Amino acid sequence: MTPRRLAGSSFDECDACGGLWLSRETSAGVASKAETRAQVRVLELHSAPRPTGPDPAKVTYRPCPICRKMMNRSQYAQGSGVVVDLCKTHGTYYDRGELTRIVDFIENGGLEKARRREAESLREDLRDLRRKAILAGAAADPALDSPPAPAERIVALDLIWYIADYLGGKRSANSG
């Protein structure tokens, strides 16, 4: 790995395959700053082609260059189609060309779409959990195992109408 610097961003480049190691901060800059993304394009355009390197079809797990623990392979963002090697503590390794694909994904609105999909998925999960909690609570209440008697239904309906009228301003709390 050869240390490099480009317009305020530092990274390491693999001499054998042209892959790039970016710190967490530099990787975050790629996602959030247009000027950093422009630098990435220049960097990958001017890098000499590498005749050697790993077979792209073969999955390779790499150790983090800093802590030497095996990194996790993780999809950059939902829908990106790019799997990167990630050390959550230190940074990300991008195979040759992956960073440019990520920049294209971000600039075409992919990251924002992925964030919206993730937020919707979390909301759906929350709705499912609430439904399950309600059903679990209903199943645990033996009084709910049988339908209410007709007289109980009438009293409950009267109470609901009373509350609706009260909230709608048609009754005062003391009227009967």
Protein backbone atom coordinates (compact mmCIF):
# COMPACT_ATOMS: atom_id res chain seq x y z
CA MET A 1 0.00 0.00 0.00
CA THR A 2 1.31 3.42 -0.94
CA PRO A 3 0.13 6.48 1.00
CA ARG A 4 -1.38 9.12 -1.26
CA ARG A 5 -2.86 12.56 -0.80
CA LEU A 6 -5.28 14.40 -3.06
CA ALA A 7 -6.57 17.89 -2.31
CA GLY A 8 -6.75 17.42 1.44
CA SER A 9 -7.83 13.77 1.45
CA SER A 10 -5.38 11.06 2.37
CA PHE A 11 -5.74 7.39 1.46
CA ASP A 12 -3.64 4.36 0.63
CA GLU A 13 -3.46 2.70 -2.78
CA CYS A 14 -2.61 -0.96 -3.33
CA ASP A 15 0.35 -1.21 -5.70
CA ALA A 16 -0.75 -4.64 -6.91
CA CYS A 17 -4.45 -4.17 -7.69
CA GLY A 18 -5.20 -0.43 -7.55
CA GLY A 19 -7.64 -0.81 -4.65
CA LEU A 20 -8.04 2.08 -2.22
CA TRP A 21 -8.06 2.17 1.59
CA LEU A 22 -9.94 5.15 3.01
CA SER A 23 -10.30 6.08 6.67
CA ARG A 24 -13.79 6.37 8.13
CA GLU A 25 -13.58 10.16 7.87
CA THR A 26 -12.50 10.16 4.22
CA SER A 27 -15.19 7.61 3.32
CA ALA A 28 -17.80 9.79 5.04
CA GLY A 29 -16.52 12.75 3.01
CA VAL A 30 -17.14 10.84 -0.21
CA ALA A 31 -20.78 10.35 0.79
CA SER A 32 -21.37 13.90 1.96
CA LYS A 33 -19.14 16.24 -0.06
CA ALA A 34 -19.38 16.81 -3.80
CA GLU A 35 -15.80 18.09 -3.96
CA THR A 36 -14.47 14.87 -2.42
CA ARG A 37 -16.46 12.84 -4.96
CA ALA A 38 -14.93 14.92 -7.77
CA GLN A 39 -11.47 14.12 -6.38
CA VAL A 40 -12.28 10.41 -6.43
CA ARG A 41 -13.18 10.58 -10.11
CA VAL A 42 -9.86 12.28 -10.91
CA LEU A 43 -7.97 9.76 -8.80
CA GLU A 44 -9.42 6.68 -10.49
CA LEU A 45 -9.14 8.21 -13.97
CA HIS A 46 -5.42 8.89 -13.59
CA SER A 47 -4.48 5.63 -11.89
CA ALA A 48 -2.50 3.36 -14.16
CA PRO A 49 -4.29 0.13 -15.09
CA ARG A 50 -3.21 -2.78 -12.94
CA PRO A 51 -2.56 -6.01 -14.83
CA THR A 52 -2.50 -8.10 -11.66
CA GLY A 53 -5.01 -8.32 -8.90
CA PRO A 54 -7.72 -10.51 -7.46
CA ASP A 55 -10.26 -12.22 -9.70
CA PRO A 56 -13.44 -10.09 -9.37
CA ALA A 57 -15.60 -13.23 -9.37
CA LYS A 58 -13.71 -14.66 -6.38
CA VAL A 59 -14.77 -13.45 -2.94
CA THR A 60 -11.73 -12.40 -0.94
CA TYR A 61 -11.75 -11.44 2.72
CA ARG A 62 -9.07 -8.95 3.68
CA PRO A 63 -7.54 -8.00 6.99
CA CYS A 64 -7.80 -4.38 8.06
CA PRO A 65 -4.46 -2.70 7.31
CA ILE A 66 -4.53 -1.08 10.76
CA CYS A 67 -5.80 -3.66 13.27
CA ARG A 68 -5.25 -6.77 11.07
CA LYS A 69 -8.69 -8.21 11.97
CA MET A 70 -10.66 -9.65 9.07
CA MET A 71 -13.00 -7.04 7.61
CA ASN A 72 -16.67 -7.60 6.94
CA ARG A 73 -17.97 -7.58 3.39
CA SER A 74 -20.93 -5.25 3.28
CA GLN A 75 -23.13 -3.75 0.60
CA TYR A 76 -22.38 -0.03 0.45
CA ALA A 77 -26.08 0.89 0.43
CA GLN A 78 -29.26 -0.89 -0.56
CA GLY A 79 -29.48 -0.85 -4.34
CA SER A 80 -25.86 0.20 -4.90
CA GLY A 81 -24.71 -3.19 -6.12
CA VAL A 82 -21.27 -2.53 -4.60
CA VAL A 83 -19.86 -4.75 -1.85
CA VAL A 84 -16.96 -3.21 0.07
CA ASP A 85 -14.61 -4.49 2.76
CA LEU A 86 -15.35 -2.68 6.00
CA CYS A 87 -13.55 -2.33 9.31
CA LYS A 88 -16.09 -0.48 11.45
CA THR A 89 -13.32 1.00 13.55
CA HIS A 90 -10.79 2.10 10.95
CA GLY A 91 -12.14 2.41 7.42
CA THR A 92 -13.11 0.82 4.12
CA TYR A 93 -11.22 -0.93 1.34
CA TYR A 94 -12.56 -0.34 -2.17
CA ASP A 95 -11.53 -2.61 -5.02
CA ARG A 96 -10.44 -0.80 -8.18
CA GLY A 97 -13.43 0.98 -9.74
CA GLU A 98 -15.78 0.50 -6.76
CA LEU A 99 -15.37 4.04 -5.50
CA THR A 100 -16.31 5.47 -8.90
CA ARG A 101 -19.41 3.24 -8.98
CA ILE A 102 -20.34 4.48 -5.51
CA VAL A 103 -19.85 8.11 -6.56
CA ASP A 104 -22.13 7.51 -9.58
CA PHE A 105 -24.70 5.87 -7.28
CA ILE A 106 -24.64 8.84 -4.88
CA GLU A 107 -24.79 11.50 -7.58
CA ASN A 108 -27.73 9.77 -9.27
CA GLY A 109 -29.73 9.99 -6.03
CA GLY A 110 -29.19 6.37 -5.02
CA LEU A 111 -28.04 7.12 -1.49
CA GLU A 112 -31.09 9.27 -0.76
CA LYS A 113 -33.39 6.59 -2.21
CA ALA A 114 -31.65 3.94 -0.09
CA ARG A 115 -32.13 6.08 3.03
CA ARG A 116 -35.85 6.53 2.24
CA ARG A 117 -36.26 2.76 1.68
CA GLU A 118 -34.47 2.03 4.94
CA ALA A 119 -36.65 4.52 6.86
CA GLU A 120 -39.81 3.00 5.37
CA SER A 121 -38.58 -0.49 6.24
CA LEU A 122 -37.97 0.60 9.84
CA ARG A 123 -41.45 2.16 10.03
CA GLU A 124 -42.96 -1.07 8.68
CA ASP A 125 -41.01 -3.12 11.24
CA LEU A 126 -42.28 -0.84 14.00
CA ARG A 127 -45.89 -1.24 12.79
CA ASP A 128 -45.44 -5.03 12.77
CA LEU A 129 -44.04 -5.01 16.30
CA ARG A 130 -46.93 -2.86 17.53
CA ARG A 131 -49.46 -5.21 15.88
CA LYS A 132 -47.80 -8.23 17.48
CA ALA A 133 -47.75 -6.54 20.89
CA ILE A 134 -51.44 -5.70 20.62
CA LEU A 135 -52.28 -9.24 19.53
CA ALA A 136 -50.12 -10.71 22.30
CA GLY A 137 -51.85 -8.51 24.86
CA ALA A 138 -55.29 -9.47 23.53
CA ALA A 139 -54.41 -13.17 23.58
CA ALA A 140 -53.21 -12.91 27.18
CA ASP A 141 -56.48 -11.34 28.41
CA PRO A 142 -58.98 -14.16 29.16
CA ALA A 143 -61.87 -11.67 29.19
CA LEU A 144 -61.32 -11.16 25.48
CA ASP A 145 -61.64 -14.85 24.64
CA SER A 146 -65.42 -14.59 24.33
CA PRO A 147 -67.45 -11.80 22.75
CA PRO A 148 -69.07 -9.31 25.15
CA ALA A 149 -72.69 -9.77 26.13
CA PRO A 150 -75.20 -7.52 24.30
CA ALA A 151 -75.67 -5.30 27.36
CA GLU A 152 -71.90 -4.79 27.66
CA ARG A 153 -71.70 -3.82 23.98
CA ILE A 154 -74.41 -1.17 24.43
CA VAL A 155 -72.66 0.33 27.48
CA ALA A 156 -69.36 0.39 25.59
CA LEU A 157 -70.96 2.05 22.55
CA ASP A 158 -72.64 4.65 24.79
CA LEU A 159 -69.26 5.42 26.36
CA ILE A 160 -67.62 5.77 22.95
CA TRP A 161 -70.39 8.14 21.75
CA TYR A 162 -70.12 10.16 24.96
CA ILE A 163 -66.34 10.56 24.55
CA ALA A 164 -66.75 11.46 20.88
CA ASP A 165 -69.36 14.10 21.72
CA TYR A 166 -67.20 15.48 24.53
CA LEU A 167 -64.13 15.71 22.35
CA GLY A 168 -66.22 17.27 19.61
CA GLY A 169 -67.38 20.00 22.04
CA LYS A 170 -71.04 18.98 22.10
CA ARG A 171 -71.06 18.18 25.84
CA SER A 172 -69.44 19.48 28.93
CA ALA A 173 -67.71 17.07 31.27
CA ASN A 174 -70.51 17.45 33.86
CA SER A 175 -73.53 17.05 31.59
CA GLY A 176 -75.32 13.76 31.68
